[in-house]
Protein backbone atom coordinates (compact mmCIF):
# COMPACT_ATOMS: atom_id res chain seq x y z
CA UNK A 1 -17.84 -1.55 3.20
CA UNK A 2 -15.07 -0.66 0.78
CA UNK A 3 -12.92 -3.18 -0.36
CA UNK A 4 -9.52 -3.05 -0.45
CA UNK A 5 -7.45 -2.23 -3.47
CA UNK A 6 -4.55 -4.34 -3.72
CA UNK A 7 -2.85 -5.42 -7.01
CA UNK A 8 -1.46 -9.17 -6.90
CA UNK A 9 2.07 -9.34 -8.54
CA UNK A 10 5.55 -8.17 -6.37
CA UNK A 11 6.96 -5.65 -8.14
CA UNK A 12 10.17 -5.11 -7.37
CA UNK A 13 12.38 -1.62 -7.03
CA UNK A 14 16.03 -1.07 -7.65
CA UNK A 15 16.95 -1.33 -3.71
CA UNK A 16 15.91 -5.11 -3.97
CA UNK A 17 17.80 -6.00 -6.50
CA UNK A 18 20.89 -3.44 -5.14
CA UNK A 19 20.47 -5.80 -1.62
CA UNK A 20 20.42 -9.28 -3.99
CA UNK A 21 23.80 -8.16 -5.29
CA UNK A 22 25.48 -6.99 -2.27
CA UNK A 23 24.46 -10.90 -0.57
CA UNK A 24 26.45 -11.93 -3.21
CA UNK A 25 29.74 -10.06 -2.65
CA UNK A 26 29.23 -8.03 -5.48
CA UNK A 27 30.78 -4.27 -5.05
CA UNK A 28 28.30 -1.97 -6.11
CA UNK A 29 26.93 1.56 -5.84
CA UNK A 30 22.98 2.34 -5.43
CA UNK A 31 21.48 5.44 -6.59
CA UNK A 32 17.72 5.37 -5.38
CA UNK A 33 16.96 8.91 -6.70
CA UNK A 34 13.59 8.09 -8.14
CA UNK A 35 13.61 4.94 -7.09
CA UNK A 36 9.74 2.95 -6.99
CA UNK A 37 8.33 -0.33 -6.83
CA UNK A 38 7.11 -1.16 -9.77
CA UNK A 39 9.70 -3.52 -11.59
CA UNK A 40 8.37 -6.42 -13.33
CA UNK A 41 11.63 -8.15 -15.10
CA UNK A 42 14.93 -6.95 -16.43
CA UNK A 43 16.16 -6.04 -20.08
CA UNK A 44 19.68 -6.19 -21.59
CA UNK A 45 19.70 -2.46 -23.53
CA UNK A 46 20.49 -2.57 -27.36
CA UNK A 47 20.17 0.44 -29.39
CA UNK A 48 16.87 1.30 -30.74
CA UNK A 49 14.41 -0.44 -28.32
CA UNK A 50 11.64 1.36 -26.24
CA UNK A 51 12.64 2.02 -23.02
CA UNK A 52 9.91 1.06 -20.18
CA UNK A 53 10.00 2.41 -16.65
CA UNK A 54 8.19 -1.28 -15.22
CA UNK A 55 11.89 -2.93 -16.23
CA UNK A 56 15.58 -2.63 -15.18
CA UNK A 57 17.47 -1.94 -18.39
CA UNK A 58 20.86 -4.06 -18.05
CA UNK A 59 23.68 -1.30 -19.88
CA UNK A 60 27.33 -0.64 -19.95
CA UNK A 61 29.22 2.52 -18.71
CA UNK A 62 30.48 3.41 -21.81
CA UNK A 63 26.97 2.65 -23.77
CA UNK A 64 25.27 5.31 -21.15
CA UNK A 65 28.07 7.63 -21.38
CA UNK A 66 26.66 8.64 -25.03
CA UNK A 67 22.91 7.61 -24.28
CA UNK A 68 22.60 9.13 -20.48
CA UNK A 69 19.59 11.79 -21.35
CA UNK A 70 17.48 8.62 -23.33
CA UNK A 71 17.20 6.93 -19.50
CA UNK A 72 15.88 10.26 -17.49
CA UNK A 73 13.21 8.06 -15.23
CA UNK A 74 14.45 4.72 -16.32
CA UNK A 75 15.85 2.53 -13.86
CA UNK A 76 19.07 0.65 -15.10
CA UNK A 77 22.13 -1.66 -13.89
CA UNK A 78 25.24 -0.32 -14.94
CA UNK A 79 28.23 -2.44 -15.65
CA UNK A 80 31.44 -0.69 -14.87
CA UNK A 81 32.83 2.41 -13.30
CA UNK A 82 31.05 5.54 -14.38
CA UNK A 83 31.05 9.16 -12.72
CA UNK A 84 27.95 10.09 -11.10
CA UNK A 85 27.03 13.40 -13.11
CA UNK A 86 26.92 11.23 -15.87
CA UNK A 87 23.65 9.72 -14.53
CA UNK A 88 20.27 11.36 -15.06
CA UNK A 89 18.58 13.55 -12.48
CA UNK A 90 16.30 11.63 -10.53
CA UNK A 91 17.33 8.41 -12.40
CA UNK A 92 17.44 5.21 -9.99
CA UNK A 93 20.69 3.03 -11.06
CA UNK A 94 23.28 0.52 -9.67
CA UNK A 95 27.14 0.63 -10.47
CA UNK A 96 28.55 -2.91 -10.49
CA UNK A 97 31.90 -2.09 -10.01
CA UNK A 98 32.82 -5.66 -10.50
CA UNK A 99 33.00 -5.87 -13.99
CA UNK A 100 34.87 -8.88 -14.63
CA UNK A 101 31.95 -11.22 -16.50
CA UNK A 102 29.08 -9.11 -16.71
CA UNK A 103 26.89 -11.78 -18.15
CA UNK A 104 27.07 -13.17 -14.42
CA UNK A 105 25.40 -9.98 -13.04
CA UNK A 106 22.61 -10.00 -15.64
CA UNK A 107 21.55 -13.20 -14.60
CA UNK A 108 21.84 -12.41 -10.69
CA UNK A 109 19.26 -9.38 -11.41
CA UNK A 110 17.41 -12.46 -13.71
CA UNK A 111 17.45 -14.35 -10.76
CA UNK A 112 15.96 -12.03 -8.27
CA UNK A 113 13.16 -11.32 -10.20
CA UNK A 114 12.68 -14.76 -10.53
CA UNK A 115 12.68 -16.03 -7.11
CA UNK A 116 10.02 -13.57 -5.77
CA UNK A 117 8.17 -14.02 -8.82
CA UNK A 118 7.88 -17.96 -7.37
CA UNK A 119 7.26 -16.25 -3.96
CA UNK A 120 4.37 -14.69 -4.99
CA UNK A 121 3.08 -17.84 -7.05
CA UNK A 122 3.26 -19.89 -4.21
CA UNK A 123 1.70 -17.16 -1.85
CA UNK A 124 -1.22 -16.93 -4.18
CA UNK A 125 -1.40 -21.13 -4.26
CA UNK A 126 -1.20 -21.09 -0.18
CA UNK A 127 -4.17 -19.20 0.30
CA UNK A 128 -6.29 -22.38 -1.10
CA UNK A 129 -4.76 -24.79 1.35
CA UNK A 130 -6.13 -26.62 4.03
CA UNK A 131 -3.30 -24.50 6.35
CA UNK A 132 -2.27 -20.99 4.33
CA UNK A 133 -1.00 -18.94 6.93
CA UNK A 134 1.37 -21.84 7.98
CA UNK A 135 1.89 -22.03 4.06
CA UNK A 136 2.46 -18.80 4.12
CA UNK A 137 5.34 -18.41 6.44
CA UNK A 138 6.56 -21.50 4.84
CA UNK A 139 7.05 -20.20 1.47
CA UNK A 140 8.13 -16.71 3.24
CA UNK A 141 11.21 -18.63 4.98
CA UNK A 142 13.97 -18.14 2.17
CA UNK A 143 13.38 -14.57 1.28
CA UNK A 144 13.61 -13.07 4.54
CA UNK A 145 16.25 -15.53 5.72
CA UNK A 146 14.97 -15.51 9.54
CA UNK A 147 12.18 -17.13 11.88
CA UNK A 148 8.09 -15.72 10.72
CA UNK A 149 5.33 -16.04 13.12
CA UNK A 150 1.80 -14.54 12.89
CA UNK A 151 -0.30 -13.89 15.81
CA UNK A 152 -3.85 -12.05 16.12
CA UNK A 153 -4.70 -9.50 18.31
CA UNK A 154 -5.39 -11.86 20.62
CA UNK A 155 -1.66 -13.04 20.79
CA UNK A 156 -2.11 -16.26 19.78
CA UNK A 157 0.31 -17.75 17.18
CA UNK A 158 -1.47 -18.48 14.65
CA UNK A 159 1.65 -19.83 12.36
CA UNK A 160 5.34 -19.77 12.77
CA UNK A 161 8.47 -20.74 10.99
CA UNK A 162 11.99 -21.42 12.05
CA UNK A 163 11.22 -21.41 16.12
CA UNK A 164 14.07 -21.92 18.78
CA UNK A 165 15.32 -21.49 22.03
CA UNK A 166 16.01 -17.49 23.00
CA UNK A 167 13.43 -16.01 21.04
CA UNK A 168 10.50 -14.83 23.33
CA UNK A 169 9.06 -17.19 25.58
CA UNK A 170 5.81 -18.93 24.42
CA UNK A 171 2.55 -20.57 26.48
CA UNK A 172 -0.39 -23.10 25.61
CA UNK A 173 -3.49 -21.94 26.01
CA UNK A 174 -5.21 -25.10 27.39
CA UNK A 175 -8.75 -23.71 25.85
CA UNK A 176 -7.34 -24.30 22.10
CA UNK A 177 -4.12 -25.93 22.69
CA UNK A 178 -2.53 -22.91 20.86
CA UNK A 179 0.29 -21.80 21.41
CA UNK A 180 0.89 -17.94 22.40
CA UNK A 181 3.11 -15.00 23.49
CA UNK A 182 3.86 -15.57 27.14
CA UNK A 183 1.71 -13.37 29.33
CA UNK A 184 5.42 -11.98 31.03
CA UNK A 185 6.25 -10.85 27.09
CA UNK A 186 2.94 -9.27 26.85
CA UNK A 187 2.61 -7.30 30.23
CA UNK A 188 6.31 -5.86 28.99
CA UNK A 189 4.66 -4.93 26.51
CA UNK A 190 1.66 -2.64 27.85
CA UNK A 191 4.20 -0.41 29.18
CA UNK A 192 6.52 -0.04 26.23
CA UNK A 193 5.54 3.39 24.40
CA UNK A 194 7.52 2.10 21.15
CA UNK A 195 5.46 -0.45 21.11
CA UNK A 196 1.91 0.95 21.93
CA UNK A 197 3.63 3.55 19.31
CA UNK A 198 4.09 0.96 16.56
CA UNK A 199 0.42 -0.54 16.80
CA UNK A 200 -0.45 2.35 14.89
CA UNK A 201 1.77 2.01 11.89
CA UNK A 202 -0.17 0.55 8.65
CA UNK A 203 3.04 -0.37 6.77
CA UNK A 204 6.49 -2.16 7.89
CA UNK A 205 8.32 -1.37 10.74
CA UNK A 206 11.34 -2.56 12.77
CA UNK A 207 10.93 -3.01 16.82
CA UNK A 208 14.18 -2.45 18.65
CA UNK A 209 16.10 -5.08 20.28
CA UNK A 210 15.61 -3.62 24.30
CA UNK A 211 12.57 -5.97 25.10
CA UNK A 212 13.59 -9.25 23.37
CA UNK A 213 17.54 -9.13 22.70
CA UNK A 214 17.01 -9.10 19.00
CA UNK A 215 15.43 -6.35 16.78
CA UNK A 216 11.50 -7.38 14.86
CA UNK A 217 10.43 -6.17 11.73
CA UNK A 218 6.92 -6.49 11.77
CA UNK A 219 3.70 -5.35 9.88
CA UNK A 220 0.31 -4.25 11.41
CA UNK A 221 -2.71 -6.46 9.99
CA UNK A 222 -5.84 -4.68 9.14
CA UNK A 223 -9.16 -4.84 8.28
CA UNK A 224 -9.83 -0.74 7.70
CA UNK A 225 -9.49 0.60 10.76
CA UNK A 226 -9.73 -2.37 12.71
CA UNK A 227 -6.48 -3.97 14.03
CA UNK A 228 -6.03 -7.92 13.81
CA UNK A 229 -2.63 -8.80 14.62
CA UNK A 230 0.66 -9.75 13.15
CA UNK A 231 3.48 -10.60 10.74
CA UNK A 232 7.02 -10.64 12.51
CA UNK A 233 10.63 -11.27 11.41
CA UNK A 234 12.63 -11.88 14.04
CA UNK A 235 16.52 -10.44 13.25
CA UNK A 236 17.98 -14.05 14.34
CA UNK A 237 19.73 -15.69 11.20
CA UNK A 238 20.34 -12.47 8.85
CA UNK A 239 20.22 -8.77 9.02
CA UNK A 240 17.28 -7.29 8.28
CA UNK A 241 17.83 -5.44 4.96
CA UNK A 242 15.83 -2.71 3.26
CA UNK A 243 14.45 -4.79 1.05
CA UNK A 244 12.49 -6.99 3.58
CA UNK A 245 10.06 -3.85 4.31
CA UNK A 246 8.76 -3.87 0.78
CA UNK A 247 8.48 -7.64 1.02
CA UNK A 248 6.85 -7.69 4.15
CA UNK A 249 4.27 -4.91 3.67
CA UNK A 250 3.03 -7.01 0.35
CA UNK A 251 2.66 -9.91 2.22
CA UNK A 252 0.75 -7.65 4.58
CA UNK A 253 -1.35 -6.47 1.74
CA UNK A 254 -1.72 -9.74 0.51
CA UNK A 255 -3.39 -11.17 4.42
CA UNK A 256 -5.78 -8.00 4.54
CA UNK A 257 -6.65 -8.47 1.33
CA UNK A 258 -8.08 -12.10 1.94
CA UNK A 259 -9.05 -11.20 5.26
CA UNK A 260 -11.49 -8.42 3.80
CA UNK A 261 -12.70 -10.79 1.40
CA UNK A 262 -13.58 -13.32 4.11
CA UNK A 263 -11.38 -15.53 2.53
CA UNK A 264 -9.08 -16.14 5.38
CA UNK A 265 -10.96 -17.03 8.93
CA UNK A 266 -8.04 -17.75 10.93
CA UNK A 267 -7.88 -14.35 13.17
CA UNK A 268 -10.82 -14.68 15.29
CA UNK A 269 -11.05 -17.15 18.26
CA UNK A 270 -14.58 -18.17 19.72
CA UNK A 271 -16.54 -21.44 20.24
CA UNK A 272 -19.50 -23.00 20.70
CA UNK A 273 -19.43 -22.71 24.24
CA UNK A 274 -18.57 -18.89 24.63
CA UNK A 275 -21.50 -18.18 21.55
CA UNK A 276 -24.27 -19.89 24.15
CA UNK A 277 -23.26 -18.40 27.49
CA UNK A 278 -23.37 -15.11 25.77
CA UNK A 279 -26.73 -15.85 24.78
CA UNK A 280 -27.69 -16.89 28.25
CA UNK A 281 -26.22 -13.67 29.55
CA UNK A 282 -27.86 -11.32 27.03
CA UNK A 283 -31.67 -13.07 27.60
CA UNK A 284 -32.03 -14.06 24.80
CA UNK A 285 -33.37 -18.00 23.87
CA UNK A 286 -31.59 -20.61 23.85
CA UNK A 287 -32.38 -24.11 23.04
CA UNK A 288 -32.17 -26.28 26.60
CA UNK A 289 -30.98 -29.19 24.62
CA UNK A 290 -27.65 -26.69 23.67
CA UNK A 291 -27.55 -25.94 27.81
CA UNK A 292 -27.82 -29.63 28.70
CA UNK A 293 -25.06 -30.51 26.90
CA UNK A 294 -22.86 -27.96 27.71
CA UNK A 295 -23.92 -29.01 31.51
CA UNK A 296 -22.83 -32.62 30.51
CA UNK A 297 -19.96 -31.74 29.20
CA UNK A 298 -18.26 -29.77 32.02
CA UNK A 299 -19.45 -31.71 34.23
CA UNK A 300 -21.94 -29.55 36.12
CA UNK A 301 -25.39 -30.03 37.15
CA UNK A 302 -28.40 -27.43 36.72
CA UNK A 303 -28.93 -26.86 40.67
CA UNK A 304 -25.04 -26.33 41.76
CA UNK A 305 -23.82 -22.97 43.05
CA UNK A 306 -22.57 -20.51 40.26
CA UNK A 307 -21.79 -16.94 40.27
CA UNK A 308 -20.75 -14.57 37.47
CA UNK A 309 -17.98 -12.34 36.74
CA UNK A 310 -17.38 -9.10 34.69
CA UNK A 311 -13.98 -8.16 34.28
CA UNK A 312 -13.11 -4.51 32.77
CA UNK A 313 -10.16 -2.13 32.49
CA UNK A 314 -9.79 1.71 32.09
CA UNK A 315 -6.86 1.05 29.28
CA UNK A 316 -7.54 2.14 26.11
CA UNK A 317 -5.62 -0.45 24.83
CA UNK A 318 -6.32 -3.63 26.57
CA UNK A 319 -7.65 -5.08 23.70
CA UNK A 320 -4.92 -5.03 21.79
CA UNK A 321 -2.56 -6.07 24.63
CA UNK A 322 -3.65 -8.90 26.83
CA UNK A 323 -6.77 -9.46 26.99
CA UNK A 324 -6.66 -13.01 25.78
CA UNK A 325 -3.84 -13.95 27.19
CA UNK A 326 -5.57 -12.72 30.84
CA UNK A 327 -8.43 -14.91 30.00
CA UNK A 328 -6.65 -17.65 29.60
CA UNK A 329 -4.79 -16.97 32.72
CA UNK A 330 -8.30 -16.70 34.67
CA UNK A 331 -9.39 -20.58 33.36
CA UNK A 332 -6.13 -21.52 34.42
CA UNK A 333 -6.54 -19.69 38.03
CA UNK A 334 -9.90 -21.28 37.89
CA UNK A 335 -10.61 -24.70 36.95
CA UNK A 336 -14.33 -24.64 37.87
CA UNK A 337 -15.41 -21.48 35.51
CA UNK A 338 -15.43 -20.68 31.94
CA UNK A 339 -14.22 -17.47 30.28
CA UNK A 340 -15.56 -15.55 27.46
CA UNK A 341 -15.71 -11.87 25.65
CA UNK A 342 -18.83 -9.77 26.13
CA UNK A 343 -19.50 -6.52 25.89
CA UNK A 344 -16.08 -5.11 25.94
CA UNK A 345 -14.49 -6.86 28.99
CA UNK A 346 -14.36 -10.75 30.07
CA UNK A 347 -17.27 -12.50 31.78
CA UNK A 348 -16.44 -15.54 33.93
CA UNK A 349 -19.22 -18.07 34.93
CA UNK A 350 -18.04 -20.15 37.95
CA UNK A 351 -19.14 -23.31 39.69
CA UNK A 352 -18.89 -23.12 43.14
CA UNK A 353 -19.82 -26.57 43.70
CA UNK A 354 -17.09 -28.10 42.25
CA UNK A 355 -14.72 -27.68 44.73
CA UNK A 356 -16.96 -26.19 47.51
CA UNK A 357 -15.96 -22.81 47.54
CA UNK A 358 -17.43 -19.29 48.22
CA UNK A 359 -17.48 -16.81 45.85
CA UNK A 360 -13.89 -14.92 47.86
CA UNK A 361 -12.37 -17.76 46.51
CA UNK A 362 -12.60 -17.30 43.33
CA UNK A 363 -11.88 -13.73 43.47
CA UNK A 364 -8.69 -14.70 45.21
CA UNK A 365 -7.35 -16.83 42.50
CA UNK A 366 -7.06 -14.33 40.28
CA UNK A 367 -6.05 -11.54 42.49
CA UNK A 368 -2.57 -11.10 41.25
CA UNK A 369 -3.49 -10.78 38.10
CA UNK A 370 -6.14 -8.56 38.60
CA UNK A 371 -3.62 -6.14 40.28
CA UNK A 372 -1.20 -6.50 37.55
CA UNK A 373 -3.49 -5.66 34.76
CA UNK A 374 -4.87 -2.87 36.76
CA UNK A 375 -8.52 -4.77 36.06
CA UNK A 376 -11.52 -4.26 38.20
CA UNK A 377 -14.44 -7.08 38.51
CA UNK A 378 -17.90 -7.21 39.74
CA UNK A 379 -19.07 -10.23 41.22
CA UNK A 380 -22.54 -11.78 41.41
CA UNK A 381 -24.60 -13.05 44.15
CA UNK A 382 -24.69 -16.94 44.08
CA UNK A 383 -27.53 -18.27 42.32
CA UNK A 384 -28.86 -22.28 42.18
CA UNK A 385 -29.77 -22.94 38.68
CA UNK A 386 -27.94 -22.11 35.95
CA UNK A 387 -30.82 -21.27 33.43
CA UNK A 388 -30.78 -18.26 35.65
CA UNK A 389 -27.37 -16.82 34.20
CA UNK A 390 -28.78 -13.71 32.84
CA UNK A 391 -29.49 -12.71 36.25
CA UNK A 392 -26.14 -13.46 37.56
CA UNK A 393 -24.48 -11.49 34.88
CA UNK A 394 -27.04 -8.31 35.25
CA UNK A 395 -25.56 -8.65 39.13
CA UNK A 396 -22.03 -8.90 38.09
CA UNK A 397 -22.50 -5.56 35.81
CA UNK A 398 -24.26 -3.94 38.61
CA UNK A 399 -21.74 -4.26 41.01
CA UNK A 400 -19.24 -3.44 39.10
CA UNK A 401 -20.87 0.08 37.50
CA UNK A 402 -22.24 0.89 41.63
CA UNK A 403 -18.35 0.00 42.98
CA UNK A 404 -16.50 2.39 39.79
CA UNK A 405 -18.33 5.44 41.19
CA UNK A 406 -17.75 4.97 44.55
CA UNK A 407 -15.08 5.89 46.44
CA UNK A 408 -13.19 2.20 47.27
CA UNK A 409 -9.37 1.67 46.88
CA UNK A 410 -10.45 -1.97 45.77
CA UNK A 411 -10.51 -3.63 42.31
CA UNK A 412 -13.36 -6.15 43.66
CA UNK A 413 -17.13 -5.30 44.17
CA UNK A 414 -19.83 -7.70 45.35
CA UNK A 415 -23.42 -7.63 44.47
CA UNK A 416 -24.11 -8.27 48.02
CA UNK A 417 -22.41 -4.84 49.27
CA UNK A 418 -24.61 -2.63 46.96
CA UNK A 419 -28.01 -4.73 46.99
CA UNK A 420 -29.29 -1.83 49.18
CA UNK A 421 -27.97 0.86 46.74
CA UNK A 422 -29.58 -0.67 43.90
CA UNK A 423 -32.83 -1.77 45.79
CA UNK A 424 -33.11 2.00 46.77
CA UNK A 425 -32.60 3.44 43.19
CA UNK A 426 -35.25 1.41 41.55
CA UNK A 427 -37.23 2.51 43.96
CA UNK A 428 -37.29 6.18 42.49
CA UNK A 429 -38.03 4.77 39.40
CA UNK A 430 -41.82 6.09 39.36
CA UNK A 431 -41.51 8.69 42.34
CA UNK A 432 -38.73 11.12 42.52
CA UNK A 433 -36.08 10.38 45.28
CA UNK A 434 -36.83 13.39 47.21
CA UNK A 435 -40.49 12.82 47.49
CA UNK A 436 -40.16 8.95 48.52
CA UNK A 437 -37.95 9.44 51.25
CA UNK A 438 -38.75 10.34 54.59
CA UNK A 439 -39.65 13.94 55.51
CA UNK A 440 -37.26 13.97 58.41
CA UNK A 441 -34.24 13.82 56.14
CA UNK A 442 -35.51 16.90 54.52
CA UNK A 443 -36.05 18.70 57.74
CA UNK A 444 -33.04 18.03 58.72
CA UNK A 445 -30.76 19.42 55.54
CA UNK A 446 -33.20 22.62 55.82
CA UNK A 447 -32.18 23.09 59.44
CA UNK A 448 -28.30 22.50 58.92
CA UNK A 449 -28.71 25.06 55.80
CA UNK A 450 -30.16 27.83 57.90
CA UNK A 451 -27.92 27.21 60.87
CA UNK A 452 -24.53 25.81 59.78
CA UNK A 453 -24.71 22.57 61.55
CA UNK A 454 -24.61 18.59 60.44
CA UNK A 455 -27.30 16.80 62.11
CA UNK A 456 -28.21 15.20 58.56
CA UNK A 457 -24.59 13.91 58.87
CA UNK A 458 -24.61 12.63 62.05
CA UNK A 459 -28.08 10.92 62.23
CA UNK A 460 -26.89 8.97 58.58
CA UNK A 461 -23.30 7.42 60.56
CA UNK A 462 -25.40 7.01 63.76
CA UNK A 463 -27.31 4.82 61.83
CA UNK A 464 -24.82 3.16 59.53
CA UNK A 465 -22.84 2.37 63.17
CA UNK A 466 -26.14 0.36 64.18
CA UNK A 467 -26.31 3.56 66.96
CA UNK A 468 -23.34 2.59 68.62
CA UNK A 469 -22.29 5.82 70.50
CA UNK A 470 -18.66 5.63 70.57
CA UNK A 471 -17.68 4.68 67.34
CA UNK A 472 -20.22 7.77 65.90
CA UNK A 473 -18.33 10.14 67.39
CA UNK A 474 -14.84 8.58 66.46
CA UNK A 475 -16.04 9.09 63.00
CA UNK A 476 -17.46 12.32 63.19
CA UNK A 477 -14.42 13.73 65.53
CA UNK A 478 -16.48 15.18 68.41
CA UNK A 479 -17.02 14.40 71.73
CA UNK A 480 -19.37 12.02 73.02
CA UNK A 481 -21.66 14.67 74.79
CA UNK A 482 -21.62 16.71 71.48
CA UNK A 483 -22.66 14.13 69.87
CA UNK A 484 -26.17 13.41 72.34
CA UNK A 485 -27.01 16.96 72.70
CA UNK A 486 -26.86 16.35 68.71
CA UNK A 487 -29.07 13.50 69.01
CA UNK A 488 -31.64 15.01 70.93
CA UNK A 489 -31.69 17.37 68.98
CA UNK A 490 -32.24 15.46 65.92
CA UNK A 491 -34.92 13.66 67.85
CA UNK A 492 -36.70 17.20 68.96
CA UNK A 493 -36.75 18.17 65.09
CA UNK A 494 -37.95 15.40 63.60
CA UNK A 495 -40.19 13.66 65.81
CA UNK A 496 -38.70 10.30 65.21
CA UNK A 497 -38.38 7.51 68.05
CA UNK A 498 -35.31 6.19 67.03
CA UNK A 499 -35.86 3.08 69.53
CA UNK A 500 -38.41 1.83 66.62
CA UNK A 501 -36.59 -0.56 64.26
CA UNK A 502 -38.92 0.26 61.67
CA UNK A 503 -38.34 3.87 61.86
CA UNK A 504 -34.84 3.66 61.88
CA UNK A 505 -34.99 0.93 58.97
CA UNK A 506 -37.13 3.71 57.21
CA UNK A 507 -34.92 6.64 57.71
CA UNK A 508 -31.55 4.58 56.35
CA UNK A 509 -33.52 3.39 53.36
CA UNK A 510 -34.28 7.03 53.08
CA UNK A 511 -30.42 8.03 53.12
CA UNK A 512 -29.67 5.65 50.18
CA UNK A 513 -32.92 6.71 48.05
CA UNK A 514 -31.68 10.13 48.13
CA UNK A 515 -28.21 9.61 47.24
CA UNK A 516 -26.53 5.86 46.74
CA UNK A 517 -23.66 4.97 49.09
CA UNK A 518 -21.80 5.00 46.76
CA UNK A 519 -21.40 8.53 46.33
CA UNK A 520 -23.03 9.46 49.66
CA UNK A 521 -20.56 10.70 51.82
CA UNK A 522 -18.65 12.60 48.86
CA UNK A 523 -21.72 14.64 48.36
CA UNK A 524 -21.88 15.42 52.17
CA UNK A 525 -18.49 16.22 51.74
CA UNK A 526 -19.99 19.08 48.79
CA UNK A 527 -22.70 19.90 50.95
CA UNK A 528 -20.56 21.27 53.97
CA UNK A 529 -19.50 23.56 52.05
CA UNK A 530 -21.65 24.85 49.59
CA UNK A 531 -24.66 23.82 51.73
CA UNK A 532 -26.74 21.99 49.14
CA UNK A 533 -26.60 18.76 48.48
CA UNK A 534 -27.54 16.58 45.17
CA UNK A 535 -30.89 14.96 45.62
CA UNK A 536 -30.39 12.76 41.85
CA UNK A 537 -29.75 9.06 41.10
CA UNK A 538 -29.31 6.90 38.20
CA UNK A 539 -32.41 5.80 37.28
CA UNK A 540 -33.20 2.01 37.69
CA UNK A 541 -33.97 2.15 33.58
CA UNK A 542 -30.78 2.78 33.13
CA UNK A 543 -29.45 -0.46 34.41
CA UNK A 544 -31.01 -2.09 32.24
């Protein structure tokens, strides 16, 4: 991995000096053409000295008039009124109109360099402290003259200084005790186009005041192309000035450099429990003592009733905006569960025995959160052995996969509802589905194609409604006498006694094998129009 190029030592440009003189109450004119962030100090101009572009030179208006061309490309602070036409082309300059005490102006400029140099030294020292991020913000409070905070990509606030009433609300993470941005604020950001666009920025930028009531200067933090979080300056105590952009960019570059070098670890949130459960979900070998320690810590028993839930979203920016906040809210609503990040989603292991719950009870507790977050959830069947968590996790994944390709309008999918689909899919692993199913279905399809009839669908609906004539006729929008005629025709064509339970089961399972329930009705609708039917289905191997 290519390490980020970073040159320690904060360098100024004339814009920063102009901002400082303006704050001191001095009347100035700023000319920014050619202004670069390369300045390391200030020098008094004297005849015969060699001019260097990394210094800003203090010169009187009278001296400049006769030596203007010598200063081409050299930053300068001019004491006294000067005609702008005298200034060399592409040369940054500050003209100080208040000339009562030129040495005072020089001292002010020197103070700007000294103050920012001390800040830079303190930043470097902060990185070796026990709480480096907090030390960095404390050191930066007087530079920006506004409240600052740093949050990671999950909106956990890693450090903060200057927070007060009236600023954006905070929530407490019950898992870690850390402070985080309120979920209501995060949800507002999810629909804010300006915020979304700002997530791509590599340099300091401004977030408008519409959401929070005050502007926020922010700098995203990156490890190559991986978003890690943000540094933010709230415009509460004083107005953001142009030099603040440069200072915040330097602060961001400094943090990115040390993050890439592995010297800062506060941007990741995980714990031993998460690692244990991830390993178990993946079917990896886990030390039994670790499992028992976890159960004892949670006050769970190995033989309690458990389910596993897998939660995902279609939103591409979900992890950037609200993943940790959602995870935190899930644990708040399901107190007998543990939620953690896994395979680009959230996995939840829930103990149902603790509160004598049913799976639907756990799902209903997070219903509002799921709907508002446009999330979908797969729910496993119950297991009675904690050591079978990997099986429960697989069931949750299968339920989610089948549910998402179904025409269901619900956001939750239970494995029990798709169990037969999964069994039928696995049954076709060694023998193609069209060969494994009953030959009666092939006969009906061929007959329908030749005669433009609908016997294939009629039998399916009839079997799914457990031979209830009224419900079958209603779903097919036909008269009962028409249904009776069709059933007689079916019986004659396939020669199967539908009064025998095993024959009905064979036919119904054959439908599941030919086309899983999740897509069967869609394919039937297509087959009516095209006269063909897709007999393929995903292989069982793909689920592994």
